């Protein structure tokens, strides 16, 4: 089994690249999807209500977003809760699919979370900052939130240095598909 980790900067096209790589042929683990599902679970909501002394039991995600956006310590506290849960799901996913030739893992903070050693190969999806900001805003984000979240990540240059491969995603979807196909040839 080859475990391929996919990472990149905010709004660089990690999800699109991951879906293209996995297609219908290979399993894909998405850390973002795990986090979205966590916010739907009662045990997780109870942890957040207690840890962050939230007053309402609904709109937990919005309340947390408003708290952590301005306080880096609270972001770290939130990550201390979320990251172990995501890692547990990631390991379960790998064990469940251990007989499959290639597994893909989309992990936005793969490098920052020191997860490189879990993977045989790490792929960095790169895109310039101006384009990433445009994509982020198009998907309902604000420039202020982009700036805060972008600063939480290592620079593109630092991430690219520790990855095995880089796919640039500054152009068209057609070119991205061609680059993904070129990458896959190395491992199929």
N, C-alpha and C. Protein backbone atom coordinates (compact mmCIF):
# COMPACT_ATOMS: atom_id res chain seq x y z
N UNK A 1 0.84 -1.19 0.00
CA UNK A 1 0.00 0.00 0.00
C UNK A 1 0.88 1.24 0.00
N UNK A 2 0.52 2.19 -0.85
CA UNK A 2 1.20 3.48 -0.90
C UNK A 2 0.25 4.53 -0.35
N UNK A 3 0.68 5.21 0.70
CA UNK A 3 -0.13 6.28 1.30
C UNK A 3 0.40 7.61 0.79
N UNK A 4 -0.45 8.33 0.07
CA UNK A 4 -0.06 9.62 -0.52
C UNK A 4 -0.81 10.74 0.20
N UNK A 5 -0.05 11.61 0.86
CA UNK A 5 -0.60 12.77 1.53
C UNK A 5 -0.63 13.96 0.58
N UNK A 6 -1.73 14.66 0.58
CA UNK A 6 -1.89 15.83 -0.29
C UNK A 6 -2.10 17.05 0.61
N UNK A 7 -1.27 18.04 0.42
CA UNK A 7 -1.36 19.26 1.21
C UNK A 7 -1.18 20.46 0.31
N UNK A 8 -1.32 21.64 0.89
CA UNK A 8 -1.16 22.87 0.13
C UNK A 8 -1.66 24.03 0.95
N UNK A 9 -1.53 25.19 0.41
CA UNK A 9 -1.97 26.39 1.09
C UNK A 9 -3.50 26.51 1.00
N UNK A 10 -4.04 27.42 1.77
CA UNK A 10 -5.48 27.70 1.79
C UNK A 10 -5.96 28.03 0.38
N UNK A 11 -7.01 27.35 -0.09
CA UNK A 11 -7.64 27.58 -1.39
C UNK A 11 -6.70 27.36 -2.58
N UNK A 12 -5.75 26.43 -2.41
CA UNK A 12 -4.82 26.15 -3.51
C UNK A 12 -5.38 25.14 -4.50
N UNK A 13 -6.44 24.43 -4.11
CA UNK A 13 -7.02 23.42 -4.99
C UNK A 13 -6.74 22.00 -4.51
N UNK A 14 -6.50 21.85 -3.22
CA UNK A 14 -6.21 20.51 -2.66
C UNK A 14 -7.37 19.55 -2.88
N UNK A 15 -8.58 20.01 -2.62
CA UNK A 15 -9.75 19.12 -2.75
C UNK A 15 -9.96 18.69 -4.20
N UNK A 16 -9.86 19.63 -5.11
CA UNK A 16 -10.02 19.30 -6.53
C UNK A 16 -8.95 18.32 -6.97
N UNK A 17 -7.70 18.59 -6.59
CA UNK A 17 -6.59 17.71 -6.94
C UNK A 17 -6.79 16.32 -6.33
N UNK A 18 -7.21 16.28 -5.08
CA UNK A 18 -7.43 15.01 -4.38
C UNK A 18 -8.49 14.18 -5.09
N UNK A 19 -9.59 14.82 -5.44
CA UNK A 19 -10.68 14.11 -6.13
C UNK A 19 -10.24 13.61 -7.50
N UNK A 20 -9.45 14.41 -8.20
CA UNK A 20 -8.94 13.98 -9.50
C UNK A 20 -8.00 12.78 -9.35
N UNK A 21 -7.15 12.81 -8.33
CA UNK A 21 -6.21 11.72 -8.11
C UNK A 21 -6.93 10.42 -7.74
N UNK A 22 -7.84 10.51 -6.79
CA UNK A 22 -8.53 9.31 -6.32
C UNK A 22 -9.52 8.80 -7.35
N UNK A 23 -10.21 9.74 -8.00
CA UNK A 23 -11.24 9.35 -8.96
C UNK A 23 -12.21 8.38 -8.33
N UNK A 24 -12.64 7.42 -9.09
CA UNK A 24 -13.52 6.36 -8.56
C UNK A 24 -12.71 5.11 -8.25
N UNK A 25 -11.40 5.20 -8.42
CA UNK A 25 -10.54 4.02 -8.31
C UNK A 25 -9.93 3.83 -6.93
N UNK A 26 -9.59 4.93 -6.24
CA UNK A 26 -8.87 4.83 -4.98
C UNK A 26 -9.61 5.55 -3.85
N UNK A 27 -9.49 5.03 -2.62
CA UNK A 27 -10.11 5.69 -1.47
C UNK A 27 -9.44 7.03 -1.16
N UNK A 28 -10.25 7.98 -0.71
CA UNK A 28 -9.76 9.32 -0.37
C UNK A 28 -10.21 9.69 1.03
N UNK A 29 -9.25 10.03 1.86
CA UNK A 29 -9.52 10.53 3.21
C UNK A 29 -9.42 12.05 3.16
N UNK A 30 -10.43 12.73 3.69
CA UNK A 30 -10.41 14.19 3.73
C UNK A 30 -10.47 14.66 5.18
N UNK A 31 -9.43 15.32 5.65
CA UNK A 31 -9.43 15.86 7.01
C UNK A 31 -10.52 16.90 7.17
N UNK A 32 -10.76 17.70 6.15
CA UNK A 32 -11.82 18.72 6.22
C UNK A 32 -13.19 18.07 6.40
N UNK A 33 -13.42 16.98 5.71
CA UNK A 33 -14.70 16.27 5.82
C UNK A 33 -14.87 15.71 7.24
N UNK A 34 -13.79 15.16 7.81
CA UNK A 34 -13.84 14.64 9.18
C UNK A 34 -14.21 15.76 10.15
N UNK A 35 -13.59 16.93 9.97
CA UNK A 35 -13.88 18.07 10.85
C UNK A 35 -15.33 18.52 10.69
N UNK A 36 -15.81 18.61 9.46
CA UNK A 36 -17.22 18.98 9.24
C UNK A 36 -18.15 18.01 9.97
N UNK A 37 -17.84 16.72 9.90
CA UNK A 37 -18.67 15.71 10.57
C UNK A 37 -18.57 15.80 12.09
N UNK A 38 -17.41 16.19 12.60
CA UNK A 38 -17.26 16.34 14.05
C UNK A 38 -18.24 17.37 14.60
N UNK A 39 -18.42 18.46 13.87
CA UNK A 39 -19.32 19.53 14.32
C UNK A 39 -20.78 19.08 14.38
N UNK A 40 -21.08 17.93 13.80
CA UNK A 40 -22.44 17.40 13.85
C UNK A 40 -22.65 16.45 15.02
N UNK A 41 -21.56 16.09 15.70
CA UNK A 41 -21.64 15.08 16.77
C UNK A 41 -21.80 15.73 18.14
N UNK A 42 -22.70 15.17 18.92
CA UNK A 42 -23.01 15.72 20.25
C UNK A 42 -21.80 15.73 21.18
N UNK A 43 -21.02 14.63 21.19
CA UNK A 43 -19.87 14.58 22.10
C UNK A 43 -18.89 15.71 21.81
N UNK A 44 -18.71 16.02 20.54
CA UNK A 44 -17.78 17.08 20.13
C UNK A 44 -18.32 18.44 20.54
N UNK A 45 -19.61 18.65 20.29
CA UNK A 45 -20.23 19.91 20.68
C UNK A 45 -20.11 20.15 22.18
N UNK A 46 -20.31 19.09 22.98
CA UNK A 46 -20.20 19.21 24.44
C UNK A 46 -18.79 19.60 24.86
N UNK A 47 -17.79 19.02 24.20
CA UNK A 47 -16.39 19.37 24.49
C UNK A 47 -16.16 20.85 24.22
N UNK A 48 -16.63 21.32 23.08
CA UNK A 48 -16.42 22.72 22.69
C UNK A 48 -17.17 23.68 23.61
N UNK A 49 -18.39 23.33 23.97
CA UNK A 49 -19.19 24.17 24.88
C UNK A 49 -18.46 24.34 26.20
N UNK A 50 -17.92 23.24 26.69
CA UNK A 50 -17.21 23.28 27.98
C UNK A 50 -15.87 24.03 27.86
N UNK A 51 -15.09 23.68 26.86
CA UNK A 51 -13.75 24.26 26.70
C UNK A 51 -13.79 25.77 26.44
N UNK A 52 -14.76 26.20 25.65
CA UNK A 52 -14.82 27.60 25.25
C UNK A 52 -15.96 28.36 25.93
N UNK A 53 -16.55 27.75 26.93
CA UNK A 53 -17.68 28.32 27.69
C UNK A 53 -18.71 29.01 26.79
N UNK A 54 -19.23 28.23 25.87
CA UNK A 54 -20.25 28.73 24.94
C UNK A 54 -21.60 28.73 25.64
N UNK A 55 -22.41 29.70 25.32
CA UNK A 55 -23.70 29.85 25.99
C UNK A 55 -24.83 29.10 25.27
N UNK A 56 -24.77 29.09 23.93
CA UNK A 56 -25.82 28.44 23.15
C UNK A 56 -25.35 27.06 22.69
N UNK A 57 -26.30 26.16 22.52
CA UNK A 57 -25.97 24.82 22.04
C UNK A 57 -26.15 24.68 20.53
N UNK A 58 -26.65 25.72 19.89
CA UNK A 58 -26.77 25.67 18.43
C UNK A 58 -25.78 26.66 17.81
N UNK A 59 -25.55 26.50 16.54
CA UNK A 59 -24.57 27.33 15.80
C UNK A 59 -23.18 27.28 16.44
N UNK A 60 -22.80 26.10 16.92
CA UNK A 60 -21.49 25.91 17.58
C UNK A 60 -20.35 26.35 16.66
N UNK A 61 -20.42 25.91 15.41
CA UNK A 61 -19.33 26.22 14.47
C UNK A 61 -19.15 27.73 14.30
N UNK A 62 -20.24 28.45 14.17
CA UNK A 62 -20.17 29.91 14.02
C UNK A 62 -19.60 30.57 15.27
N UNK A 63 -20.04 30.09 16.43
CA UNK A 63 -19.53 30.65 17.70
C UNK A 63 -18.03 30.43 17.82
N UNK A 64 -17.60 29.23 17.50
CA UNK A 64 -16.16 28.90 17.58
C UNK A 64 -15.38 29.76 16.59
N UNK A 65 -15.90 29.87 15.38
CA UNK A 65 -15.23 30.68 14.35
C UNK A 65 -15.04 32.11 14.84
N UNK A 66 -16.07 32.69 15.44
CA UNK A 66 -15.98 34.05 15.95
C UNK A 66 -14.98 34.18 17.09
N UNK A 67 -14.85 33.14 17.91
CA UNK A 67 -13.89 33.17 19.02
C UNK A 67 -12.44 33.04 18.56
N UNK A 68 -12.20 32.07 17.69
CA UNK A 68 -10.81 31.77 17.34
C UNK A 68 -10.22 32.72 16.31
N UNK A 69 -11.07 33.39 15.56
CA UNK A 69 -10.60 34.25 14.49
C UNK A 69 -9.67 35.36 15.00
N UNK A 70 -9.89 35.79 16.22
CA UNK A 70 -9.10 36.90 16.75
C UNK A 70 -8.11 36.48 17.84
N UNK A 71 -8.07 35.22 18.17
CA UNK A 71 -7.25 34.79 19.29
C UNK A 71 -6.47 33.52 18.92
N UNK A 72 -5.18 33.67 18.65
CA UNK A 72 -4.35 32.55 18.23
C UNK A 72 -4.28 31.44 19.28
N UNK A 73 -4.37 31.81 20.56
CA UNK A 73 -4.35 30.79 21.62
C UNK A 73 -5.58 29.90 21.52
N UNK A 74 -6.70 30.49 21.19
CA UNK A 74 -7.93 29.71 21.07
C UNK A 74 -7.89 28.80 19.83
N UNK A 75 -7.24 29.27 18.78
CA UNK A 75 -7.05 28.41 17.60
C UNK A 75 -6.23 27.19 18.01
N UNK A 76 -5.15 27.41 18.75
CA UNK A 76 -4.31 26.29 19.20
C UNK A 76 -5.10 25.34 20.10
N UNK A 77 -5.92 25.89 20.98
CA UNK A 77 -6.76 25.05 21.85
C UNK A 77 -7.73 24.20 21.03
N UNK A 78 -8.31 24.82 20.02
CA UNK A 78 -9.23 24.09 19.15
C UNK A 78 -8.48 22.98 18.40
N UNK A 79 -7.29 23.29 17.89
CA UNK A 79 -6.50 22.28 17.18
C UNK A 79 -6.11 21.13 18.10
N UNK A 80 -5.86 21.41 19.38
CA UNK A 80 -5.52 20.34 20.34
C UNK A 80 -6.69 19.38 20.53
N UNK A 81 -7.89 19.85 20.31
CA UNK A 81 -9.07 18.99 20.41
C UNK A 81 -9.29 18.24 19.09
N UNK A 82 -9.22 18.96 17.99
CA UNK A 82 -9.55 18.40 16.68
C UNK A 82 -8.48 17.45 16.13
N UNK A 83 -7.22 17.84 16.19
CA UNK A 83 -6.18 17.06 15.52
C UNK A 83 -6.08 15.61 15.99
N UNK A 84 -6.14 15.31 17.29
CA UNK A 84 -6.10 13.90 17.69
C UNK A 84 -7.28 13.08 17.14
N UNK A 85 -8.45 13.71 17.05
CA UNK A 85 -9.63 13.02 16.52
C UNK A 85 -9.47 12.75 15.03
N UNK A 86 -8.92 13.70 14.30
CA UNK A 86 -8.68 13.52 12.86
C UNK A 86 -7.61 12.44 12.65
N UNK A 87 -6.55 12.46 13.46
CA UNK A 87 -5.50 11.43 13.34
C UNK A 87 -6.07 10.03 13.58
N UNK A 88 -6.93 9.91 14.56
CA UNK A 88 -7.54 8.62 14.86
C UNK A 88 -8.33 8.12 13.64
N UNK A 89 -9.14 8.99 13.05
CA UNK A 89 -9.90 8.62 11.85
C UNK A 89 -8.97 8.28 10.68
N UNK A 90 -7.89 9.02 10.55
CA UNK A 90 -6.92 8.80 9.49
C UNK A 90 -6.30 7.40 9.61
N UNK A 91 -5.92 7.03 10.81
CA UNK A 91 -5.32 5.71 11.03
C UNK A 91 -6.34 4.61 10.81
N UNK A 92 -7.57 4.81 11.25
CA UNK A 92 -8.64 3.83 11.01
C UNK A 92 -8.89 3.65 9.52
N UNK A 93 -8.88 4.76 8.78
CA UNK A 93 -9.07 4.72 7.33
C UNK A 93 -7.96 3.89 6.68
N UNK A 94 -6.73 4.11 7.09
CA UNK A 94 -5.59 3.38 6.52
C UNK A 94 -5.70 1.88 6.85
N UNK A 95 -6.06 1.56 8.07
CA UNK A 95 -6.20 0.15 8.46
C UNK A 95 -7.33 -0.53 7.70
N UNK A 96 -8.45 0.15 7.56
CA UNK A 96 -9.61 -0.40 6.87
C UNK A 96 -9.31 -0.68 5.39
N UNK A 97 -8.44 0.14 4.80
CA UNK A 97 -8.13 0.03 3.36
C UNK A 97 -6.73 -0.51 3.10
N UNK A 98 -6.16 -1.22 4.06
CA UNK A 98 -4.75 -1.64 3.95
C UNK A 98 -4.44 -2.55 2.76
N UNK A 99 -5.44 -3.19 2.18
CA UNK A 99 -5.20 -4.10 1.05
C UNK A 99 -5.28 -3.40 -0.31
N UNK A 100 -5.58 -2.12 -0.28
CA UNK A 100 -5.71 -1.36 -1.53
C UNK A 100 -4.34 -0.76 -1.90
N UNK A 101 -4.03 -0.75 -3.17
CA UNK A 101 -2.70 -0.35 -3.66
C UNK A 101 -2.33 1.09 -3.29
N UNK A 102 -3.24 2.04 -3.52
CA UNK A 102 -2.94 3.45 -3.27
C UNK A 102 -4.07 4.06 -2.44
N UNK A 103 -3.69 4.80 -1.40
CA UNK A 103 -4.65 5.56 -0.60
C UNK A 103 -4.26 7.03 -0.66
N UNK A 104 -5.25 7.90 -0.78
CA UNK A 104 -5.00 9.33 -0.80
C UNK A 104 -5.56 9.98 0.47
N UNK A 105 -4.80 10.92 1.01
CA UNK A 105 -5.17 11.63 2.23
C UNK A 105 -5.02 13.12 1.98
N UNK A 106 -6.14 13.83 2.00
CA UNK A 106 -6.09 15.29 1.85
C UNK A 106 -6.02 15.90 3.25
N UNK A 107 -4.86 16.48 3.59
CA UNK A 107 -4.62 17.01 4.93
C UNK A 107 -4.06 18.44 4.79
N UNK A 108 -4.89 19.47 4.99
CA UNK A 108 -4.41 20.84 4.82
C UNK A 108 -3.17 21.19 5.66
N UNK A 109 -3.14 20.79 6.91
CA UNK A 109 -2.02 21.15 7.79
C UNK A 109 -1.09 19.95 8.01
N UNK A 110 -0.86 19.17 6.97
CA UNK A 110 -0.03 17.97 7.06
C UNK A 110 1.38 18.29 7.57
N UNK A 111 2.00 19.27 7.01
CA UNK A 111 3.38 19.62 7.40
C UNK A 111 3.40 20.24 8.80
N UNK A 112 2.49 21.19 9.03
CA UNK A 112 2.43 21.87 10.33
C UNK A 112 2.12 20.90 11.47
N UNK A 113 1.36 19.84 11.17
CA UNK A 113 0.99 18.85 12.18
C UNK A 113 2.01 17.73 12.30
N UNK A 114 3.11 17.86 11.57
CA UNK A 114 4.20 16.88 11.61
C UNK A 114 3.71 15.46 11.30
N UNK A 115 2.96 15.34 10.21
CA UNK A 115 2.41 14.05 9.81
C UNK A 115 3.14 13.42 8.62
N UNK A 116 4.19 14.05 8.14
CA UNK A 116 4.89 13.58 6.93
C UNK A 116 5.31 12.12 7.03
N UNK A 117 5.75 11.70 8.21
CA UNK A 117 6.27 10.34 8.35
C UNK A 117 5.19 9.26 8.21
N UNK A 118 3.93 9.64 8.31
CA UNK A 118 2.83 8.69 8.14
C UNK A 118 2.68 8.27 6.68
N UNK A 119 3.18 9.10 5.75
CA UNK A 119 2.96 8.89 4.32
C UNK A 119 4.23 8.42 3.61
N UNK A 120 4.01 7.67 2.53
CA UNK A 120 5.12 7.26 1.67
C UNK A 120 5.51 8.40 0.74
N UNK A 121 4.51 9.19 0.37
CA UNK A 121 4.71 10.29 -0.57
C UNK A 121 3.87 11.47 -0.10
N UNK A 122 4.44 12.67 -0.21
CA UNK A 122 3.67 13.89 0.11
C UNK A 122 3.69 14.79 -1.12
N UNK A 123 2.48 15.18 -1.53
CA UNK A 123 2.28 16.04 -2.70
C UNK A 123 1.82 17.41 -2.23
N UNK A 124 2.47 18.44 -2.73
CA UNK A 124 2.11 19.82 -2.40
C UNK A 124 1.39 20.44 -3.60
N UNK A 125 0.17 20.95 -3.36
CA UNK A 125 -0.59 21.65 -4.39
C UNK A 125 -0.32 23.14 -4.19
N UNK A 126 0.25 23.76 -5.20
CA UNK A 126 0.68 25.14 -5.11
C UNK A 126 -0.16 26.05 -6.00
N UNK A 127 -0.43 27.24 -5.50
CA UNK A 127 -1.11 28.28 -6.30
C UNK A 127 -0.69 29.63 -5.71
N UNK A 128 -0.64 30.64 -6.55
CA UNK A 128 -0.19 31.94 -6.06
C UNK A 128 -1.25 32.55 -5.12
N UNK A 129 -0.79 33.42 -4.24
CA UNK A 129 -1.62 33.97 -3.18
C UNK A 129 -2.81 34.76 -3.71
N UNK A 130 -2.61 35.55 -4.74
CA UNK A 130 -3.69 36.38 -5.30
C UNK A 130 -4.84 35.49 -5.80
N UNK A 131 -4.50 34.42 -6.49
CA UNK A 131 -5.49 33.49 -7.01
C UNK A 131 -6.20 32.75 -5.86
N UNK A 132 -5.44 32.36 -4.85
CA UNK A 132 -6.02 31.67 -3.69
C UNK A 132 -7.02 32.56 -2.96
N UNK A 133 -6.67 33.83 -2.80
CA UNK A 133 -7.58 34.79 -2.15
C UNK A 133 -8.87 34.93 -2.96
N UNK A 134 -8.73 35.03 -4.28
CA UNK A 134 -9.89 35.15 -5.16
C UNK A 134 -10.80 33.92 -5.01
N UNK A 135 -10.21 32.73 -4.96
CA UNK A 135 -10.99 31.49 -4.80
C UNK A 135 -11.68 31.47 -3.43
N UNK A 136 -10.96 31.90 -2.40
CA UNK A 136 -11.49 31.90 -1.03
C UNK A 136 -12.72 32.81 -0.94
N UNK A 137 -12.62 34.00 -1.51
CA UNK A 137 -13.73 34.95 -1.49
C UNK A 137 -14.92 34.40 -2.31
N UNK A 138 -14.62 33.79 -3.45
CA UNK A 138 -15.66 33.21 -4.30
C UNK A 138 -16.45 32.14 -3.54
N UNK A 139 -15.78 31.44 -2.62
CA UNK A 139 -16.43 30.39 -1.83
C UNK A 139 -17.03 30.91 -0.53
N UNK A 140 -17.20 32.23 -0.42
CA UNK A 140 -17.89 32.81 0.73
C UNK A 140 -17.01 33.30 1.86
N UNK A 141 -15.71 33.26 1.69
CA UNK A 141 -14.80 33.73 2.73
C UNK A 141 -14.53 35.22 2.61
N UNK A 142 -13.93 35.78 3.64
CA UNK A 142 -13.58 37.20 3.61
C UNK A 142 -12.07 37.37 3.56
N UNK A 143 -11.60 38.50 3.03
CA UNK A 143 -10.15 38.74 3.00
C UNK A 143 -9.51 38.69 4.39
N UNK A 144 -10.23 39.17 5.40
CA UNK A 144 -9.70 39.18 6.77
C UNK A 144 -9.48 37.75 7.28
N UNK A 145 -10.46 36.90 7.08
CA UNK A 145 -10.35 35.50 7.51
C UNK A 145 -9.24 34.80 6.71
N UNK A 146 -9.17 35.09 5.41
CA UNK A 146 -8.10 34.51 4.59
C UNK A 146 -6.73 34.86 5.17
N UNK A 147 -6.54 36.13 5.50
CA UNK A 147 -5.25 36.58 6.04
C UNK A 147 -4.91 35.84 7.33
N UNK A 148 -5.87 35.71 8.22
CA UNK A 148 -5.62 35.04 9.51
C UNK A 148 -5.28 33.57 9.31
N UNK A 149 -6.08 32.89 8.49
CA UNK A 149 -5.85 31.46 8.27
C UNK A 149 -4.57 31.21 7.48
N UNK A 150 -4.31 32.07 6.51
CA UNK A 150 -3.10 31.92 5.69
C UNK A 150 -1.84 32.08 6.54
N UNK A 151 -1.88 32.98 7.50
CA UNK A 151 -0.72 33.20 8.37
C UNK A 151 -0.47 32.04 9.32
N UNK A 152 -1.46 31.18 9.53
CA UNK A 152 -1.32 30.01 10.40
C UNK A 152 -0.49 28.92 9.73
N UNK A 153 -0.32 29.02 8.42
CA UNK A 153 0.39 27.99 7.68
C UNK A 153 1.84 28.40 7.42
N UNK A 154 2.68 27.39 7.24
CA UNK A 154 4.04 27.64 6.80
C UNK A 154 3.98 28.23 5.40
N UNK A 155 5.04 28.87 4.97
CA UNK A 155 5.05 29.45 3.62
C UNK A 155 5.06 28.34 2.56
N UNK A 156 4.64 28.70 1.36
CA UNK A 156 4.64 27.75 0.23
C UNK A 156 6.03 27.17 0.01
N UNK A 157 7.04 28.03 0.10
CA UNK A 157 8.41 27.59 -0.15
C UNK A 157 8.85 26.53 0.88
N UNK A 158 8.53 26.77 2.15
CA UNK A 158 8.91 25.81 3.19
C UNK A 158 8.17 24.50 3.02
N UNK A 159 6.89 24.57 2.70
CA UNK A 159 6.11 23.35 2.50
C UNK A 159 6.63 22.56 1.31
N UNK A 160 6.85 23.26 0.20
CA UNK A 160 7.30 22.59 -1.02
C UNK A 160 8.63 21.87 -0.81
N UNK A 161 9.52 22.45 0.01
CA UNK A 161 10.84 21.85 0.26
C UNK A 161 10.74 20.47 0.91
N UNK A 162 9.74 20.27 1.77
CA UNK A 162 9.65 18.99 2.48
C UNK A 162 8.72 17.99 1.80
N UNK A 163 8.16 18.36 0.66
CA UNK A 163 7.27 17.46 -0.07
C UNK A 163 8.03 16.76 -1.20
N UNK A 164 7.53 15.59 -1.59
CA UNK A 164 8.17 14.82 -2.65
C UNK A 164 7.85 15.36 -4.04
N UNK A 165 6.65 15.93 -4.19
CA UNK A 165 6.19 16.43 -5.48
C UNK A 165 5.43 17.74 -5.28
N UNK A 166 5.43 18.55 -6.34
CA UNK A 166 4.65 19.79 -6.35
C UNK A 166 3.83 19.82 -7.63
N UNK A 167 2.54 20.10 -7.48
CA UNK A 167 1.68 20.34 -8.64
C UNK A 167 1.23 21.79 -8.55
N UNK A 168 1.50 22.54 -9.59
CA UNK A 168 1.08 23.94 -9.64
C UNK A 168 -0.34 24.02 -10.17
N UNK A 169 -1.15 24.83 -9.52
CA UNK A 169 -2.56 24.96 -9.87
C UNK A 169 -2.91 26.44 -10.08
N UNK A 170 -2.16 27.09 -10.95
CA UNK A 170 -2.38 28.50 -11.24
C UNK A 170 -3.13 28.72 -12.55
N UNK A 171 -3.37 27.66 -13.28
CA UNK A 171 -3.96 27.80 -14.62
C UNK A 171 -5.33 27.15 -14.66
N UNK A 172 -5.62 26.44 -15.73
CA UNK A 172 -6.94 25.87 -15.97
C UNK A 172 -7.11 24.49 -15.33
N UNK A 173 -8.36 24.06 -15.24
CA UNK A 173 -8.67 22.72 -14.75
C UNK A 173 -8.09 21.68 -15.71
N UNK A 174 -8.11 21.98 -16.99
CA UNK A 174 -7.56 21.08 -18.00
C UNK A 174 -6.07 20.80 -17.73
N UNK A 175 -5.31 21.86 -17.43
CA UNK A 175 -3.89 21.69 -17.13
C UNK A 175 -3.69 20.94 -15.81
N UNK A 176 -4.53 21.22 -14.82
CA UNK A 176 -4.44 20.51 -13.55
C UNK A 176 -4.66 19.01 -13.78
N UNK A 177 -5.66 18.66 -14.58
CA UNK A 177 -5.92 17.24 -14.89
C UNK A 177 -4.70 16.59 -15.54
N UNK A 178 -4.06 17.31 -16.45
CA UNK A 178 -2.87 16.79 -17.13
C UNK A 178 -1.74 16.57 -16.10
N UNK A 179 -1.54 17.52 -15.20
CA UNK A 179 -0.50 17.40 -14.18
C UNK A 179 -0.79 16.24 -13.22
N UNK A 180 -2.05 16.07 -12.87
CA UNK A 180 -2.46 14.97 -11.97
C UNK A 180 -2.17 13.63 -12.64
N UNK A 181 -2.52 13.54 -13.92
CA UNK A 181 -2.28 12.30 -14.68
C UNK A 181 -0.78 11.99 -14.73
N UNK A 182 0.03 13.01 -14.94
CA UNK A 182 1.49 12.84 -14.94
C UNK A 182 2.02 12.37 -13.60
N UNK A 183 1.44 12.87 -12.53
CA UNK A 183 1.85 12.45 -11.19
C UNK A 183 1.46 10.99 -10.95
N UNK A 184 0.25 10.62 -11.30
CA UNK A 184 -0.26 9.27 -11.04
C UNK A 184 0.55 8.19 -11.73
N UNK A 185 1.08 8.51 -12.90
CA UNK A 185 1.89 7.53 -13.66
C UNK A 185 3.03 6.98 -12.81
N UNK A 186 3.56 7.81 -11.91
CA UNK A 186 4.67 7.39 -11.05
C UNK A 186 4.30 6.28 -10.08
N UNK A 187 3.02 6.12 -9.78
CA UNK A 187 2.61 5.23 -8.69
C UNK A 187 1.64 4.11 -9.07
N UNK A 188 1.07 4.19 -10.26
CA UNK A 188 0.11 3.13 -10.65
C UNK A 188 0.82 1.95 -11.26
